[in-house]
PDB file of all heavy atoms in Angstrom:
ATOM      1  N   ASN A   1     -11.950  17.131  -9.781  1.00  0.00           N
ATOM      2  CA  ASN A   1     -11.640  18.349 -10.539  1.00  0.00           C
ATOM      3  C   ASN A   1     -11.061  19.417  -9.612  1.00  0.00           C
ATOM      4  O   ASN A   1     -11.369  20.611  -9.725  1.00  0.00           O
ATOM      5  CB  ASN A   1     -12.877  18.881 -11.267  1.00  0.00           C
ATOM      6  CG  ASN A   1     -12.524  19.870 -12.371  1.00  0.00           C
ATOM      7  OD1 ASN A   1     -11.421  19.848 -12.910  1.00  0.00           O
ATOM      8  ND2 ASN A   1     -13.461  20.739 -12.697  1.00  0.00           N
ATOM      9  N   ASN A   2     -10.217  18.923  -8.674  1.00  0.00           N
ATOM     10  CA  ASN A   2      -9.510  19.773  -7.713  1.00  0.00           C
ATOM     11  C   ASN A   2     -10.423  20.526  -6.749  1.00  0.00           C
ATOM     12  O   ASN A   2     -10.046  21.578  -6.208  1.00  0.00           O
ATOM     13  CB  ASN A   2      -8.580  20.752  -8.442  1.00  0.00           C
ATOM     14  CG  ASN A   2      -7.464  20.038  -9.175  1.00  0.00           C
ATOM     15  OD1 ASN A   2      -6.858  19.119  -8.640  1.00  0.00           O
ATOM     16  ND2 ASN A   2      -7.202  20.436 -10.404  1.00  0.00           N
ATOM     17  N   ALA A   3     -11.604  19.966  -6.509  1.00  0.00           N
ATOM     18  CA  ALA A   3     -12.436  20.483  -5.419  1.00  0.00           C
ATOM     19  C   ALA A   3     -11.830  20.108  -4.075  1.00  0.00           C
ATOM     20  O   ALA A   3     -12.102  20.748  -3.059  1.00  0.00           O
ATOM     21  CB  ALA A   3     -13.850  19.921  -5.527  1.00  0.00           C
ATOM     22  N   TYR A   4     -10.992  19.059  -4.078  1.00  0.00           N
ATOM     23  CA  TYR A   4     -10.267  18.631  -2.892  1.00  0.00           C
ATOM     24  C   TYR A   4      -8.778  18.872  -3.118  1.00  0.00           C
ATOM     25  O   TYR A   4      -8.331  19.129  -4.240  1.00  0.00           O
ATOM     26  CB  TYR A   4     -10.486  17.143  -2.620  1.00  0.00           C
ATOM     27  CG  TYR A   4     -11.928  16.720  -2.513  1.00  0.00           C
ATOM     28  CD1 TYR A   4     -12.318  15.449  -2.926  1.00  0.00           C
ATOM     29  CD2 TYR A   4     -12.912  17.566  -2.003  1.00  0.00           C
ATOM     30  CE1 TYR A   4     -13.644  15.037  -2.831  1.00  0.00           C
ATOM     31  CE2 TYR A   4     -14.227  17.165  -1.898  1.00  0.00           C
ATOM     32  CZ  TYR A   4     -14.598  15.901  -2.318  1.00  0.00           C
ATOM     33  OH  TYR A   4     -15.908  15.499  -2.230  1.00  0.00           O
ATOM     34  N   LYS A   5      -7.999  18.771  -2.038  1.00  0.00           N
ATOM     35  CA  LYS A   5      -6.549  18.900  -2.148  1.00  0.00           C
ATOM     36  C   LYS A   5      -5.883  17.995  -1.126  1.00  0.00           C
ATOM     37  O   LYS A   5      -6.496  17.578  -0.132  1.00  0.00           O
ATOM     38  CB  LYS A   5      -6.114  20.345  -1.912  1.00  0.00           C
ATOM     39  CG  LYS A   5      -6.331  20.819  -0.469  1.00  0.00           C
ATOM     40  CD  LYS A   5      -5.856  22.255  -0.253  1.00  0.00           C
ATOM     41  CE  LYS A   5      -6.066  22.691   1.207  1.00  0.00           C
ATOM     42  NZ  LYS A   5      -5.650  24.092   1.433  1.00  0.00           N
ATOM     43  N   LEU A   6      -4.616  17.696  -1.373  1.00  0.00           N
ATOM     44  CA  LEU A   6      -3.801  16.983  -0.394  1.00  0.00           C
ATOM     45  C   LEU A   6      -3.187  17.989   0.564  1.00  0.00           C
ATOM     46  O   LEU A   6      -2.712  19.049   0.142  1.00  0.00           O
ATOM     47  CB  LEU A   6      -2.682  16.196  -1.076  1.00  0.00           C
ATOM     48  CG  LEU A   6      -3.049  14.901  -1.794  1.00  0.00           C
ATOM     49  CD1 LEU A   6      -1.774  14.208  -2.264  1.00  0.00           C
ATOM     50  CD2 LEU A   6      -3.836  13.971  -0.900  1.00  0.00           C
ATOM     51  N   VAL A   7      -3.162  17.641   1.829  1.00  0.00           N
ATOM     52  CA  VAL A   7      -2.487  18.474   2.817  1.00  0.00           C
ATOM     53  C   VAL A   7      -0.971  18.391   2.616  1.00  0.00           C
ATOM     54  O   VAL A   7      -0.239  19.326   2.911  1.00  0.00           O
ATOM     55  CB  VAL A   7      -2.891  18.040   4.243  1.00  0.00           C
ATOM     56  CG1 VAL A   7      -2.062  18.762   5.300  1.00  0.00           C
ATOM     57  CG2 VAL A   7      -4.379  18.314   4.460  1.00  0.00           C
ATOM     58  N   ASP A   8      -0.505  17.260   2.082  1.00  0.00           N
ATOM     59  CA  ASP A   8       0.921  17.021   1.857  1.00  0.00           C
ATOM     60  C   ASP A   8       1.694  17.047   3.164  1.00  0.00           C
ATOM     61  O   ASP A   8       2.687  17.747   3.327  1.00  0.00           O
ATOM     62  CB  ASP A   8       1.502  18.041   0.871  1.00  0.00           C
ATOM     63  CG  ASP A   8       2.860  17.604   0.337  1.00  0.00           C
ATOM     64  OD1 ASP A   8       3.176  16.394   0.434  1.00  0.00           O
ATOM     65  OD2 ASP A   8       3.603  18.454  -0.181  1.00  0.00           O
ATOM     66  N   ALA A   9       1.194  16.234   4.113  1.00  0.00           N
ATOM     67  CA  ALA A   9       1.856  16.072   5.411  1.00  0.00           C
ATOM     68  C   ALA A   9       1.875  14.585   5.756  1.00  0.00           C
ATOM     69  O   ALA A   9       1.179  14.132   6.663  1.00  0.00           O
ATOM     70  CB  ALA A   9       1.125  16.858   6.484  1.00  0.00           C
ATOM     71  N   PRO A  10       2.662  13.788   5.020  1.00  0.00           N
ATOM     72  CA  PRO A  10       2.650  12.337   5.219  1.00  0.00           C
ATOM     73  C   PRO A  10       3.098  11.949   6.619  1.00  0.00           C
ATOM     74  O   PRO A  10       3.957  12.595   7.206  1.00  0.00           O
ATOM     75  CB  PRO A  10       3.627  11.826   4.159  1.00  0.00           C
ATOM     76  CG  PRO A  10       4.495  12.994   3.832  1.00  0.00           C
ATOM     77  CD  PRO A  10       3.640  14.206   4.001  1.00  0.00           C
ATOM     78  N   PHE A  11       2.487  10.869   7.147  1.00  0.00           N
ATOM     79  CA  PHE A  11       2.830  10.452   8.502  1.00  0.00           C
ATOM     80  C   PHE A  11       3.020   8.948   8.654  1.00  0.00           C
ATOM     81  O   PHE A  11       3.110   8.447   9.770  1.00  0.00           O
ATOM     82  CB  PHE A  11       1.786  10.970   9.512  1.00  0.00           C
ATOM     83  CG  PHE A  11       0.354  10.582   9.228  1.00  0.00           C
ATOM     84  CD1 PHE A  11      -0.201   9.451   9.796  1.00  0.00           C
ATOM     85  CD2 PHE A  11      -0.436  11.369   8.421  1.00  0.00           C
ATOM     86  CE1 PHE A  11      -1.526   9.105   9.548  1.00  0.00           C
ATOM     87  CE2 PHE A  11      -1.761  11.043   8.171  1.00  0.00           C
ATOM     88  CZ  PHE A  11      -2.307   9.903   8.736  1.00  0.00           C
ATOM     89  N   SER A  12       3.117   8.221   7.551  1.00  0.00           N
ATOM     90  CA  SER A  12       3.492   6.804   7.631  1.00  0.00           C
ATOM     91  C   SER A  12       3.910   6.332   6.248  1.00  0.00           C
ATOM     92  O   SER A  12       3.566   6.947   5.233  1.00  0.00           O
ATOM     93  CB  SER A  12       2.327   5.944   8.139  1.00  0.00           C
ATOM     94  OG  SER A  12       1.385   5.728   7.109  1.00  0.00           O
ATOM     95  N   GLU A  13       4.649   5.227   6.205  1.00  0.00           N
ATOM     96  CA  GLU A  13       4.986   4.571   4.949  1.00  0.00           C
ATOM     97  C   GLU A  13       4.119   3.335   4.796  1.00  0.00           C
ATOM     98  O   GLU A  13       3.881   2.617   5.765  1.00  0.00           O
ATOM     99  CB  GLU A  13       6.462   4.176   4.910  1.00  0.00           C
ATOM    100  CG  GLU A  13       7.410   5.353   4.815  1.00  0.00           C
ATOM    101  CD  GLU A  13       8.858   4.915   4.718  1.00  0.00           C
ATOM    102  OE1 GLU A  13       9.123   3.699   4.880  1.00  0.00           O
ATOM    103  OE2 GLU A  13       9.720   5.766   4.485  1.00  0.00           O
ATOM    104  N   GLU A  14       3.629   3.084   3.556  1.00  0.00           N
ATOM    105  CA  GLU A  14       2.725   1.977   3.295  1.00  0.00           C
ATOM    106  C   GLU A  14       3.247   1.135   2.128  1.00  0.00           C
ATOM    107  O   GLU A  14       3.034   1.466   0.962  1.00  0.00           O
ATOM    108  CB  GLU A  14       1.321   2.501   2.976  1.00  0.00           C
ATOM    109  CG  GLU A  14       0.743   3.423   4.042  1.00  0.00           C
ATOM    110  CD  GLU A  14       0.589   2.743   5.392  1.00  0.00           C
ATOM    111  OE1 GLU A  14       0.318   1.530   5.440  1.00  0.00           O
ATOM    112  OE2 GLU A  14       0.755   3.429   6.422  1.00  0.00           O
ATOM    113  N   PRO A  15       3.979   0.049   2.417  1.00  0.00           N
ATOM    114  CA  PRO A  15       4.498  -0.802   1.346  1.00  0.00           C
ATOM    115  C   PRO A  15       3.412  -1.750   0.831  1.00  0.00           C
ATOM    116  O   PRO A  15       2.865  -2.557   1.575  1.00  0.00           O
ATOM    117  CB  PRO A  15       5.622  -1.581   2.042  1.00  0.00           C
ATOM    118  CG  PRO A  15       5.205  -1.634   3.477  1.00  0.00           C
ATOM    119  CD  PRO A  15       4.433  -0.384   3.758  1.00  0.00           C
ATOM    120  N   TYR A  16       3.085  -1.653  -0.460  1.00  0.00           N
ATOM    121  CA  TYR A  16       2.060  -2.500  -1.056  1.00  0.00           C
ATOM    122  C   TYR A  16       2.666  -3.832  -1.487  1.00  0.00           C
ATOM    123  O   TYR A  16       3.702  -3.868  -2.169  1.00  0.00           O
ATOM    124  CB  TYR A  16       1.453  -1.841  -2.291  1.00  0.00           C
ATOM    125  CG  TYR A  16       0.666  -0.580  -2.033  1.00  0.00           C
ATOM    126  CD1 TYR A  16       0.280   0.235  -3.105  1.00  0.00           C
ATOM    127  CD2 TYR A  16       0.289  -0.192  -0.752  1.00  0.00           C
ATOM    128  CE1 TYR A  16      -0.453   1.394  -2.893  1.00  0.00           C
ATOM    129  CE2 TYR A  16      -0.445   0.970  -0.536  1.00  0.00           C
ATOM    130  CZ  TYR A  16      -0.805   1.752  -1.609  1.00  0.00           C
ATOM    131  OH  TYR A  16      -1.533   2.905  -1.405  1.00  0.00           O
ATOM    132  N   GLY A  17       1.992  -4.914  -1.128  1.00  0.00           N
ATOM    133  CA  GLY A  17       2.452  -6.244  -1.506  1.00  0.00           C
ATOM    134  C   GLY A  17       1.369  -7.046  -2.204  1.00  0.00           C
ATOM    135  O   GLY A  17       0.192  -6.677  -2.202  1.00  0.00           O
ATOM    136  N   ILE A  18       1.779  -8.156  -2.801  1.00  0.00           N
ATOM    137  CA  ILE A  18       0.855  -9.117  -3.405  1.00  0.00           C
ATOM    138  C   ILE A  18       0.552 -10.167  -2.346  1.00  0.00           C
ATOM    139  O   ILE A  18       1.430 -10.930  -1.947  1.00  0.00           O
ATOM    140  CB  ILE A  18       1.459  -9.778  -4.658  1.00  0.00           C
ATOM    141  CG1 ILE A  18       1.809  -8.718  -5.703  1.00  0.00           C
ATOM    142  CG2 ILE A  18       0.504 -10.818  -5.233  1.00  0.00           C
ATOM    143  CD1 ILE A  18       2.532  -9.277  -6.924  1.00  0.00           C
ATOM    144  N   GLY A  19      -0.689 -10.192  -1.879  1.00  0.00           N
ATOM    145  CA  GLY A  19      -1.073 -11.152  -0.856  1.00  0.00           C
ATOM    146  C   GLY A  19      -1.420 -12.502  -1.457  1.00  0.00           C
ATOM    147  O   GLY A  19      -2.007 -12.585  -2.537  1.00  0.00           O
ATOM    148  N   HIS A  20      -1.040 -13.573  -0.756  1.00  0.00           N
ATOM    149  CA  HIS A  20      -1.383 -14.929  -1.212  1.00  0.00           C
ATOM    150  C   HIS A  20      -1.429 -15.859  -0.005  1.00  0.00           C
ATOM    151  O   HIS A  20      -1.132 -15.455   1.128  1.00  0.00           O
ATOM    152  CB  HIS A  20      -0.373 -15.427  -2.252  1.00  0.00           C
ATOM    153  CG  HIS A  20       1.026 -15.595  -1.713  1.00  0.00           C
ATOM    154  ND1 HIS A  20       1.493 -16.777  -1.189  1.00  0.00           N
ATOM    155  CD2 HIS A  20       2.046 -14.716  -1.599  1.00  0.00           C
ATOM    156  CE1 HIS A  20       2.740 -16.628  -0.786  1.00  0.00           C
ATOM    157  NE2 HIS A  20       3.103 -15.380  -1.025  1.00  0.00           N
ATOM    158  N   LYS A  21      -1.819 -17.099  -0.248  1.00  0.00           N
ATOM    159  CA  LYS A  21      -2.048 -18.045   0.842  1.00  0.00           C
ATOM    160  C   LYS A  21      -0.766 -18.274   1.642  1.00  0.00           C
ATOM    161  O   LYS A  21       0.324 -18.446   1.088  1.00  0.00           O
ATOM    162  CB  LYS A  21      -2.589 -19.363   0.297  1.00  0.00           C
ATOM    163  CG  LYS A  21      -3.132 -20.299   1.353  1.00  0.00           C
ATOM    164  CD  LYS A  21      -4.121 -21.301   0.779  1.00  0.00           C
ATOM    165  CE  LYS A  21      -5.445 -20.657   0.448  1.00  0.00           C
ATOM    166  NZ  LYS A  21      -6.494 -21.642   0.056  1.00  0.00           N
ATOM    167  N   LYS A  22      -0.915 -18.298   2.937  1.00  0.00           N
ATOM    168  CA  LYS A  22       0.233 -18.434   3.840  1.00  0.00           C
ATOM    169  C   LYS A  22       0.903 -19.795   3.687  1.00  0.00           C
ATOM    170  O   LYS A  22       0.248 -20.821   3.561  1.00  0.00           O
ATOM    171  CB  LYS A  22      -0.208 -18.231   5.291  1.00  0.00           C
ATOM    172  CG  LYS A  22       0.969 -18.131   6.263  1.00  0.00           C
ATOM    173  CD  LYS A  22       0.515 -17.642   7.619  1.00  0.00           C
ATOM    174  CE  LYS A  22       1.695 -17.567   8.589  1.00  0.00           C
ATOM    175  NZ  LYS A  22       2.738 -16.631   8.107  1.00  0.00           N
ATOM    176  N   GLY A  23       2.246 -19.772   3.712  1.00  0.00           N
ATOM    177  CA  GLY A  23       3.023 -21.005   3.683  1.00  0.00           C
ATOM    178  C   GLY A  23       3.418 -21.494   2.313  1.00  0.00           C
ATOM    179  O   GLY A  23       4.162 -22.476   2.194  1.00  0.00           O
ATOM    180  N   ASP A  24       2.964 -20.822   1.249  1.00  0.00           N
ATOM    181  CA  ASP A  24       3.310 -21.228  -0.116  1.00  0.00           C
ATOM    182  C   ASP A  24       4.600 -20.519  -0.526  1.00  0.00           C
ATOM    183  O   ASP A  24       4.598 -19.548  -1.269  1.00  0.00           O
ATOM    184  CB  ASP A  24       2.167 -20.893  -1.067  1.00  0.00           C
ATOM    185  CG  ASP A  24       2.302 -21.582  -2.423  1.00  0.00           C
ATOM    186  OD1 ASP A  24       3.424 -22.026  -2.744  1.00  0.00           O
ATOM    187  OD2 ASP A  24       1.290 -21.661  -3.141  1.00  0.00           O
ATOM    188  N   ASP A  25       5.711 -21.038  -0.020  1.00  0.00           N
ATOM    189  CA  ASP A  25       7.001 -20.376  -0.231  1.00  0.00           C
ATOM    190  C   ASP A  25       7.412 -20.353  -1.696  1.00  0.00           C
ATOM    191  O   ASP A  25       7.989 -19.369  -2.173  1.00  0.00           O
ATOM    192  CB  ASP A  25       8.089 -21.069   0.593  1.00  0.00           C
ATOM    193  CG  ASP A  25       7.905 -20.897   2.088  1.00  0.00           C
ATOM    194  OD1 ASP A  25       7.081 -20.046   2.483  1.00  0.00           O
ATOM    195  OD2 ASP A  25       8.566 -21.618   2.866  1.00  0.00           O
ATOM    196  N   ALA A  26       7.131 -21.439  -2.431  1.00  0.00           N
ATOM    197  CA  ALA A  26       7.520 -21.497  -3.844  1.00  0.00           C
ATOM    198  C   ALA A  26       6.772 -20.442  -4.649  1.00  0.00           C
ATOM    199  O   ALA A  26       7.340 -19.807  -5.548  1.00  0.00           O
ATOM    200  CB  ALA A  26       7.249 -22.887  -4.407  1.00  0.00           C
ATOM    201  N   PHE A  27       5.516 -20.236  -4.324  1.00  0.00           N
ATOM    202  CA  PHE A  27       4.722 -19.220  -5.034  1.00  0.00           C
ATOM    203  C   PHE A  27       5.221 -17.817  -4.685  1.00  0.00           C
ATOM    204  O   PHE A  27       5.336 -16.960  -5.555  1.00  0.00           O
ATOM    205  CB  PHE A  27       3.249 -19.382  -4.674  1.00  0.00           C
ATOM    206  CG  PHE A  27       2.299 -18.583  -5.540  1.00  0.00           C
ATOM    207  CD1 PHE A  27       2.548 -18.396  -6.892  1.00  0.00           C
ATOM    208  CD2 PHE A  27       1.140 -18.047  -5.002  1.00  0.00           C
ATOM    209  CE1 PHE A  27       1.658 -17.673  -7.695  1.00  0.00           C
ATOM    210  CE2 PHE A  27       0.252 -17.321  -5.784  1.00  0.00           C
ATOM    211  CZ  PHE A  27       0.519 -17.140  -7.136  1.00  0.00           C
ATOM    212  N   ARG A  28       5.538 -17.588  -3.419  1.00  0.00           N
ATOM    213  CA  ARG A  28       6.059 -16.280  -3.028  1.00  0.00           C
ATOM    214  C   ARG A  28       7.388 -16.003  -3.731  1.00  0.00           C
ATOM    215  O   ARG A  28       7.622 -14.879  -4.196  1.00  0.00           O
ATOM    216  CB  ARG A  28       6.238 -16.191  -1.511  1.00  0.00           C
ATOM    217  CG  ARG A  28       6.658 -14.791  -1.062  1.00  0.00           C
ATOM    218  CD  ARG A  28       6.623 -14.602   0.441  1.00  0.00           C
ATOM    219  NE  ARG A  28       7.648 -15.367   1.116  1.00  0.00           N
ATOM    220  CZ  ARG A  28       7.407 -16.362   1.962  1.00  0.00           C
ATOM    221  NH1 ARG A  28       6.178 -16.736   2.235  1.00  0.00           N
ATOM    222  NH2 ARG A  28       8.404 -17.018   2.539  1.00  0.00           N
TER     223      ARG A  28
END
C-alpha cells in the first residue's frame, strides 16, 4: 500500500527465460 517505493535507479538487465533440461534442442 505504498509503504515502500522504488528508487528507480536500475543497474542491470535481467532477461527472463523458460528453463528446461540441457541438450533438448527440439524442445527449446
